[in-house]
């Protein structure tokens, strides 16, 4: 744009919740300031993220929305080769102004259609009339580390399924390694990848010779299993010699829930009757 791009909230380095931007949990979100003009029509740096009306005016300030420079930012995001955009959240009135400018500028019809698809005003959150919220799709590196595609998945989005399957295959192979730590790490990765299709392979590690592996298998099932495993887990609690693993089994029963889980937990901890 020939001017500075102002950035709002990004994410914590290690992920998790941050103040004000409750969806910025995984490093794939960024708040970008809109581009503004002063009362003479000159580009101006915003003093903060300034709210705008549907007509692009800042109430009580000599500022207004600059759809041309904002389109330049959006176009750069949409055409970036390695960071596919999942969403661009923006108030509907401002979106219309940007798309109108893009049409007047004779931008490619396919690019305008793409912008019209990914730019949206959230139906269950803030209108985003003071900034542009960018979310990029899970990259290959993200997917193999457990990133999941939530919300709208566009037809052109690369889900990196082949890469995920390759990691799952490696994990299954590692479940047979002689090194207990390797087996434990494989179970942790399967849980991270939400590998529900491999829940029974994980459950077989409940018979592992190493207590740390049995515990990892129980914790993995808490995430990727279902209530079909509850009875089996309850039986193992009674015969499990390691207290830490027994606790993990009980916690997993509680996580999986389902009919009978409460009764089984009560029996496991010695409650004689459960009404």
Protein backbone atom coordinates (compact mmCIF):
# COMPACT_ATOMS: atom_id res chain seq x y z
CA UNK A 1 0.00 0.00 0.00
CA UNK A 2 2.98 2.31 0.39
CA UNK A 3 1.95 2.82 4.02
CA UNK A 4 2.40 0.90 7.23
CA UNK A 5 0.15 -2.05 8.06
CA UNK A 6 -0.98 -1.92 11.67
CA UNK A 7 -1.32 -5.19 13.53
CA UNK A 8 -3.55 -5.97 16.51
CA UNK A 9 -3.63 -9.22 18.45
CA UNK A 10 -1.79 -12.28 17.17
CA UNK A 11 -1.38 -15.28 19.51
CA UNK A 12 0.63 -16.54 22.45
CA UNK A 13 3.85 -18.22 21.36
CA UNK A 14 2.69 -21.48 22.95
CA UNK A 15 -0.98 -21.11 22.04
CA UNK A 16 -4.00 -20.83 24.30
CA UNK A 17 -6.39 -18.03 25.20
CA UNK A 18 -5.48 -14.36 25.10
CA UNK A 19 -7.42 -11.32 26.27
CA UNK A 20 -10.11 -9.90 23.95
CA UNK A 21 -9.38 -12.28 21.05
CA UNK A 22 -10.87 -15.52 22.33
CA UNK A 23 -10.44 -17.41 19.04
CA UNK A 24 -6.71 -16.67 18.67
CA UNK A 25 -5.66 -20.01 20.17
CA UNK A 26 -3.49 -21.77 17.64
CA UNK A 27 -1.26 -19.23 15.91
CA UNK A 28 -3.42 -19.05 12.77
CA UNK A 29 -5.23 -15.78 13.56
CA UNK A 30 -4.27 -12.14 13.29
CA UNK A 31 -6.13 -8.85 13.69
CA UNK A 32 -5.20 -6.29 11.04
CA UNK A 33 -6.20 -2.64 11.20
CA UNK A 34 -8.24 -1.26 8.33
CA UNK A 35 -6.70 1.39 6.13
CA UNK A 36 -8.00 4.89 6.82
CA UNK A 37 -8.13 8.27 5.09
CA UNK A 38 -8.22 11.66 6.78
CA UNK A 39 -10.75 14.41 5.99
CA UNK A 40 -8.66 15.45 2.97
CA UNK A 41 -8.58 11.92 1.54
CA UNK A 42 -4.96 11.28 2.47
CA UNK A 43 -3.73 7.97 3.95
CA UNK A 44 -3.32 8.27 7.70
CA UNK A 45 -2.10 5.98 10.47
CA UNK A 46 -4.96 5.07 12.83
CA UNK A 47 -4.56 6.00 16.50
CA UNK A 48 -6.13 2.64 17.37
CA UNK A 49 -8.57 0.14 15.86
CA UNK A 50 -11.24 2.70 14.95
CA UNK A 51 -14.87 1.51 14.56
CA UNK A 52 -16.64 2.46 11.34
CA UNK A 53 -20.23 2.73 10.25
CA UNK A 54 -21.61 0.66 7.39
CA UNK A 55 -20.77 3.62 5.15
CA UNK A 56 -17.15 3.57 6.26
CA UNK A 57 -17.25 6.66 8.49
CA UNK A 58 -15.66 7.02 11.92
CA UNK A 59 -18.19 8.73 14.16
CA UNK A 60 -16.66 11.71 15.95
CA UNK A 61 -13.35 11.42 14.12
CA UNK A 62 -12.01 12.89 10.91
CA UNK A 63 -11.35 9.42 9.53
CA UNK A 64 -13.01 7.22 6.95
CA UNK A 65 -12.49 3.81 5.45
CA UNK A 66 -10.06 3.42 2.54
CA UNK A 67 -11.40 0.50 0.46
CA UNK A 68 -8.60 0.77 -2.12
CA UNK A 69 -5.69 0.19 0.25
CA UNK A 70 -7.70 -2.32 2.29
CA UNK A 71 -8.30 -4.25 -0.94
CA UNK A 72 -4.55 -4.22 -1.58
CA UNK A 73 -4.03 -5.91 1.79
CA UNK A 74 -6.80 -8.44 1.16
CA UNK A 75 -5.51 -9.22 -2.33
CA UNK A 76 -2.02 -9.87 -0.95
CA UNK A 77 -3.45 -12.26 1.64
CA UNK A 78 -5.60 -14.15 -0.85
CA UNK A 79 -2.79 -14.58 -3.37
CA UNK A 80 -0.09 -15.63 -0.91
CA UNK A 81 1.25 -19.00 -2.12
CA UNK A 82 1.83 -20.66 1.26
CA UNK A 83 -0.84 -19.32 3.62
CA UNK A 84 -4.32 -20.22 2.34
CA UNK A 85 -6.99 -18.00 3.87
CA UNK A 86 -9.87 -19.71 5.64
CA UNK A 87 -11.69 -16.59 6.82
CA UNK A 88 -11.49 -12.83 6.65
CA UNK A 89 -13.97 -11.41 9.14
CA UNK A 90 -15.26 -7.94 8.27
CA UNK A 91 -18.50 -6.01 8.69
CA UNK A 92 -20.85 -6.49 5.73
CA UNK A 93 -21.01 -2.80 4.75
CA UNK A 94 -17.23 -2.54 4.57
CA UNK A 95 -17.02 -5.80 2.65
CA UNK A 96 -19.38 -4.36 0.04
CA UNK A 97 -17.23 -1.26 -0.29
CA UNK A 98 -14.09 -3.34 -0.82
CA UNK A 99 -15.70 -5.59 -3.42
CA UNK A 100 -17.16 -2.60 -5.24
CA UNK A 101 -13.70 -1.07 -5.44
CA UNK A 102 -12.21 -4.36 -6.70
CA UNK A 103 -14.82 -4.48 -9.45
CA UNK A 104 -14.15 -0.88 -10.44
CA UNK A 105 -10.42 -1.62 -10.54
CA UNK A 106 -11.06 -4.47 -13.02
CA UNK A 107 -9.57 -7.08 -10.73
CA UNK A 108 -9.92 -10.70 -11.96
CA UNK A 109 -13.44 -12.01 -11.51
CA UNK A 110 -12.14 -15.22 -9.90
CA UNK A 111 -10.22 -13.22 -7.28
CA UNK A 112 -13.27 -11.10 -6.49
CA UNK A 113 -15.39 -14.24 -6.16
CA UNK A 114 -12.79 -15.73 -3.81
CA UNK A 115 -12.85 -12.56 -1.72
CA UNK A 116 -16.65 -12.60 -1.60
CA UNK A 117 -16.51 -16.18 -0.34
CA UNK A 118 -13.94 -15.86 2.44
CA UNK A 119 -14.88 -12.36 3.67
CA UNK A 120 -17.84 -12.55 5.98
CA UNK A 121 -19.40 -10.85 8.96
CA UNK A 122 -19.61 -13.35 11.83
CA UNK A 123 -23.14 -14.29 12.79
CA UNK A 124 -22.26 -15.16 16.39
CA UNK A 125 -19.62 -12.58 17.31
CA UNK A 126 -18.48 -9.00 16.96
CA UNK A 127 -19.32 -7.29 13.67
CA UNK A 128 -15.64 -6.61 12.98
CA UNK A 129 -16.18 -2.99 12.00
CA UNK A 130 -12.84 -1.85 13.45
CA UNK A 131 -10.42 -4.45 12.12
CA UNK A 132 -9.94 -7.31 9.70
CA UNK A 133 -9.62 -10.74 11.31
CA UNK A 134 -7.47 -13.14 9.32
CA UNK A 135 -7.50 -16.88 9.85
CA UNK A 136 -5.35 -19.13 7.71
CA UNK A 137 -6.07 -22.82 7.12
CA UNK A 138 -4.02 -25.59 8.74
CA UNK A 139 -0.72 -26.04 6.93
CA UNK A 140 0.91 -29.43 6.36
CA UNK A 141 3.12 -28.90 9.38
CA UNK A 142 0.08 -27.93 11.46
CA UNK A 143 -1.93 -30.98 10.37
CA UNK A 144 0.75 -33.50 11.26
CA UNK A 145 1.03 -31.81 14.66
CA UNK A 146 -2.69 -32.19 15.34
CA UNK A 147 -4.28 -29.09 13.78
CA UNK A 148 -7.92 -29.72 12.84
CA UNK A 149 -9.96 -27.92 10.19
CA UNK A 150 -12.84 -26.35 12.12
CA UNK A 151 -15.67 -24.36 10.61
CA UNK A 152 -16.04 -23.92 6.86
CA UNK A 153 -13.68 -26.03 4.77
CA UNK A 154 -13.50 -24.56 1.30
CA UNK A 155 -13.42 -26.93 -1.69
CA UNK A 156 -9.95 -25.73 -2.65
CA UNK A 157 -8.45 -26.26 0.82
CA UNK A 158 -5.63 -28.80 0.97
CA UNK A 159 -6.48 -30.96 3.97
CA UNK A 160 -3.10 -32.75 3.82
CA UNK A 161 -4.81 -36.10 4.38
CA UNK A 162 -1.96 -38.06 2.80
CA UNK A 163 0.57 -36.48 5.16
CA UNK A 164 -1.67 -37.23 8.14
CA UNK A 165 -2.07 -40.86 7.08
CA UNK A 166 1.70 -41.17 6.73
CA UNK A 167 2.20 -39.97 10.30
CA UNK A 168 -0.49 -42.36 11.56
CA UNK A 169 1.25 -45.25 9.81
CA UNK A 170 4.54 -44.32 11.47
CA UNK A 171 2.82 -44.12 14.85
CA UNK A 172 1.23 -47.56 14.48
CA UNK A 173 4.62 -48.99 13.56
CA UNK A 174 6.17 -47.30 16.60
CA UNK A 175 3.64 -49.00 18.87
CA UNK A 176 5.66 -52.17 18.27
CA UNK A 177 9.06 -50.66 19.08
CA UNK A 178 11.15 -52.26 21.83
CA UNK A 179 11.77 -48.87 23.43
CA UNK A 180 8.88 -48.12 25.79
CA UNK A 181 9.42 -44.39 25.41
CA UNK A 182 8.89 -44.71 21.66
CA UNK A 183 5.61 -46.56 22.24
CA UNK A 184 4.52 -43.92 24.72
CA UNK A 185 5.33 -41.09 22.32
CA UNK A 186 3.43 -42.83 19.53
CA UNK A 187 0.34 -43.02 21.74
CA UNK A 188 0.65 -39.35 22.63
CA UNK A 189 0.90 -38.42 18.95
CA UNK A 190 -2.16 -40.54 18.08
CA UNK A 191 -4.12 -38.68 20.75
CA UNK A 192 -2.86 -35.35 19.44
CA UNK A 193 -3.94 -36.31 15.93
CA UNK A 194 -7.39 -37.32 17.24
CA UNK A 195 -6.90 -40.69 15.55
CA UNK A 196 -10.29 -42.17 16.39
CA UNK A 197 -9.93 -44.67 13.58
CA UNK A 198 -7.05 -46.25 15.52
CA UNK A 199 -8.72 -46.40 18.94
CA UNK A 200 -8.63 -50.21 19.05
CA UNK A 201 -4.90 -50.23 18.24
CA UNK A 202 -4.43 -47.83 21.15
CA UNK A 203 -6.56 -49.99 23.45
CA UNK A 204 -4.29 -52.99 22.80
CA UNK A 205 -1.46 -51.06 24.49
CA UNK A 206 -3.41 -51.31 27.76
CA UNK A 207 -1.71 -54.74 28.00
CA UNK A 208 1.78 -53.25 27.57
CA UNK A 209 4.51 -54.43 29.93
CA UNK A 210 5.51 -50.84 30.73
CA UNK A 211 3.30 -48.89 33.15
CA UNK A 212 4.04 -45.58 31.44
CA UNK A 213 2.79 -47.01 28.15
CA UNK A 214 -0.40 -48.37 29.72
CA UNK A 215 -1.03 -44.95 31.25
CA UNK A 216 -0.43 -43.23 27.92
CA UNK A 217 -2.86 -45.64 26.25
CA UNK A 218 -5.53 -44.83 28.84
CA UNK A 219 -5.03 -41.09 28.41
CA UNK A 220 -5.12 -41.44 24.62
CA UNK A 221 -8.41 -43.33 24.81
CA UNK A 222 -9.87 -40.52 26.87
CA UNK A 223 -9.53 -38.36 23.79
CA UNK A 224 -10.08 -40.71 20.86
CA UNK A 225 -12.19 -43.50 22.38
CA UNK A 226 -15.90 -43.85 23.11
CA UNK A 227 -18.13 -45.53 25.66
CA UNK A 228 -17.61 -48.95 24.07
CA UNK A 229 -14.30 -49.13 25.96
CA UNK A 230 -15.76 -48.35 29.39
CA UNK A 231 -16.45 -51.93 30.52
CA UNK A 232 -13.00 -53.11 29.45
CA UNK A 233 -11.36 -50.20 31.24
CA UNK A 234 -13.33 -50.92 34.41
CA UNK A 235 -12.15 -54.52 34.44
CA UNK A 236 -8.56 -53.39 34.05
CA UNK A 237 -8.81 -51.01 37.01
CA UNK A 238 -9.26 -53.99 39.34
CA UNK A 239 -6.22 -55.82 38.02
CA UNK A 240 -3.91 -52.87 37.37
CA UNK A 241 -0.88 -53.08 39.72
CA UNK A 242 0.30 -49.49 39.16
CA UNK A 243 -1.66 -46.86 41.09
CA UNK A 244 -0.89 -44.08 38.61
CA UNK A 245 -2.18 -46.16 35.72
CA UNK A 246 -5.28 -47.16 37.71
CA UNK A 247 -6.04 -43.49 38.26
CA UNK A 248 -5.58 -42.82 34.54
CA UNK A 249 -8.02 -45.63 33.76
CA UNK A 250 -10.60 -44.17 36.14
CA UNK A 251 -10.18 -40.72 34.66
CA UNK A 252 -10.64 -42.14 31.17
CA UNK A 253 -13.86 -43.88 32.22
CA UNK A 254 -15.11 -40.54 33.49
CA UNK A 255 -14.11 -38.81 30.25
CA UNK A 256 -15.78 -41.40 28.02
CA UNK A 257 -18.96 -41.48 30.10
CA UNK A 258 -21.97 -43.21 28.70
CA UNK A 259 -24.52 -45.45 30.33
CA UNK A 260 -23.05 -47.32 33.26
CA UNK A 261 -19.88 -45.25 33.60
CA UNK A 262 -21.10 -43.72 36.86
CA UNK A 263 -21.94 -47.12 38.32
CA UNK A 264 -18.57 -48.53 37.30
CA UNK A 265 -16.72 -45.58 38.84
CA UNK A 266 -18.70 -45.93 42.05
CA UNK A 267 -17.86 -49.62 42.26
CA UNK A 268 -14.20 -48.93 41.51
CA UNK A 269 -13.85 -46.49 44.40
CA UNK A 270 -15.90 -48.66 46.78
CA UNK A 271 -19.27 -46.90 46.91
CA UNK A 272 -21.73 -49.70 47.84
CA UNK A 273 -24.85 -48.25 46.25
CA UNK A 274 -25.49 -45.68 43.54
CA UNK A 275 -29.11 -44.57 43.16
